[in-house]
Structure formats: structure tokens, C-alpha cells
N, C-alpha and C. Protein backbone atom coordinates (compact mmCIF):
# COMPACT_ATOMS: atom_id res chain seq x y z
N UNK A 1 115.57 78.17 169.60
CA UNK A 1 115.48 76.73 169.32
C UNK A 1 114.32 76.12 170.12
N UNK A 2 113.46 75.44 169.44
CA UNK A 2 112.32 74.82 170.11
C UNK A 2 112.73 73.47 170.70
N UNK A 3 111.88 72.92 171.55
CA UNK A 3 112.16 71.60 172.11
C UNK A 3 112.28 70.57 171.00
N UNK A 4 111.40 70.69 170.01
CA UNK A 4 111.39 69.69 168.94
C UNK A 4 112.67 69.73 168.12
N UNK A 5 113.16 70.92 167.76
CA UNK A 5 114.38 70.97 166.96
C UNK A 5 115.60 70.51 167.78
N UNK A 6 115.61 70.80 169.06
CA UNK A 6 116.68 70.30 169.92
C UNK A 6 116.63 68.78 169.99
N UNK A 7 115.41 68.26 170.07
CA UNK A 7 115.22 66.81 170.10
C UNK A 7 115.68 66.18 168.79
N UNK A 8 115.31 66.80 167.68
CA UNK A 8 115.74 66.29 166.37
C UNK A 8 117.27 66.27 166.26
N UNK A 9 117.92 67.28 166.82
CA UNK A 9 119.38 67.31 166.79
C UNK A 9 119.97 66.15 167.58
N UNK A 10 119.40 65.88 168.75
CA UNK A 10 119.86 64.74 169.55
C UNK A 10 119.62 63.43 168.83
N UNK A 11 118.44 63.30 168.22
CA UNK A 11 118.12 62.07 167.49
C UNK A 11 119.09 61.87 166.34
N UNK A 12 119.48 62.96 165.70
CA UNK A 12 120.44 62.87 164.61
C UNK A 12 121.80 62.35 165.05
N UNK A 13 122.15 62.58 166.32
CA UNK A 13 123.46 62.14 166.83
C UNK A 13 123.37 60.86 167.64
N UNK A 14 122.19 60.24 167.68
CA UNK A 14 121.98 59.14 168.63
C UNK A 14 122.90 57.95 168.38
N UNK A 15 123.27 57.73 167.12
CA UNK A 15 124.13 56.58 166.81
C UNK A 15 125.52 56.71 167.39
N UNK A 16 125.96 57.92 167.70
CA UNK A 16 127.30 58.12 168.24
C UNK A 16 127.31 58.16 169.77
N UNK A 17 126.14 58.00 170.37
CA UNK A 17 126.05 58.11 171.84
C UNK A 17 126.30 56.77 172.52
N UNK A 18 126.81 56.84 173.76
CA UNK A 18 126.87 55.63 174.58
C UNK A 18 125.45 55.14 174.90
N UNK A 19 125.32 53.87 175.20
CA UNK A 19 124.01 53.25 175.45
C UNK A 19 123.20 54.01 176.51
N UNK A 20 123.86 54.41 177.59
CA UNK A 20 123.16 55.08 178.69
C UNK A 20 122.52 56.39 178.22
N UNK A 21 123.25 57.18 177.45
CA UNK A 21 122.71 58.44 176.93
C UNK A 21 121.59 58.18 175.93
N UNK A 22 121.76 57.14 175.12
CA UNK A 22 120.76 56.80 174.12
C UNK A 22 119.42 56.49 174.78
N UNK A 23 119.47 55.73 175.87
CA UNK A 23 118.25 55.40 176.61
C UNK A 23 117.61 56.66 177.18
N UNK A 24 118.42 57.55 177.73
CA UNK A 24 117.90 58.80 178.30
C UNK A 24 117.24 59.66 177.23
N UNK A 25 117.86 59.76 176.06
CA UNK A 25 117.29 60.55 174.97
C UNK A 25 115.99 59.92 174.49
N UNK A 26 115.98 58.59 174.38
CA UNK A 26 114.76 57.89 173.96
C UNK A 26 113.62 58.18 174.93
N UNK A 27 113.90 58.09 176.23
CA UNK A 27 112.87 58.35 177.24
C UNK A 27 112.40 59.80 177.19
N UNK A 28 113.33 60.72 176.99
CA UNK A 28 112.97 62.13 176.89
C UNK A 28 112.09 62.38 175.67
N UNK A 29 112.44 61.77 174.55
CA UNK A 29 111.66 61.94 173.32
C UNK A 29 110.23 61.44 173.52
N UNK A 30 110.09 60.29 174.16
CA UNK A 30 108.76 59.74 174.42
C UNK A 30 108.00 60.65 175.38
N UNK A 31 108.68 61.17 176.39
CA UNK A 31 108.03 62.05 177.36
C UNK A 31 107.54 63.34 176.69
N UNK A 32 108.35 63.90 175.78
CA UNK A 32 107.99 65.16 175.14
C UNK A 32 106.93 64.96 174.06
N UNK A 33 107.10 63.95 173.24
CA UNK A 33 106.20 63.78 172.09
C UNK A 33 105.04 62.85 172.39
N UNK A 34 105.17 62.05 173.44
CA UNK A 34 104.12 61.10 173.77
C UNK A 34 104.26 59.79 173.01
N UNK A 35 105.26 59.70 172.16
CA UNK A 35 105.49 58.46 171.40
C UNK A 35 106.92 58.42 170.90
N UNK A 36 107.45 57.23 170.69
CA UNK A 36 108.79 57.15 170.13
C UNK A 36 108.81 57.65 168.69
N UNK A 37 109.88 58.31 168.32
CA UNK A 37 109.98 58.89 166.99
C UNK A 37 110.76 57.96 166.06
N UNK A 38 111.45 57.04 166.62
CA UNK A 38 112.24 56.09 165.83
C UNK A 38 112.29 54.79 166.62
N UNK A 39 112.73 53.74 165.97
CA UNK A 39 112.86 52.44 166.65
C UNK A 39 114.30 52.30 167.15
N UNK A 40 114.50 52.19 168.45
CA UNK A 40 115.86 52.07 168.99
C UNK A 40 116.51 50.74 168.60
């Protein structure tokens, strides 16, 4: 599993996450890709 596919899996579940986790995933996505992949 690549970083990107793991990230896509997290993004797919983001609506079910608590706010704190959602922020962490958003920050990680920006750190890895250099840009947000979706609008929070």
C-alpha cells in the first residue's frame, strides 16, 4: 500500500471521523501532497 492509497482510504472515511482526527488527516494530506485534496 502506497502513502497515496492509504491517504485516499482515510479521505474516504473522513466524514465519520471526530473533528480532531479530521484536522489531523487534513494536515497530513497537505503535508504529503503539498496541497489539500478536498475542501474540509
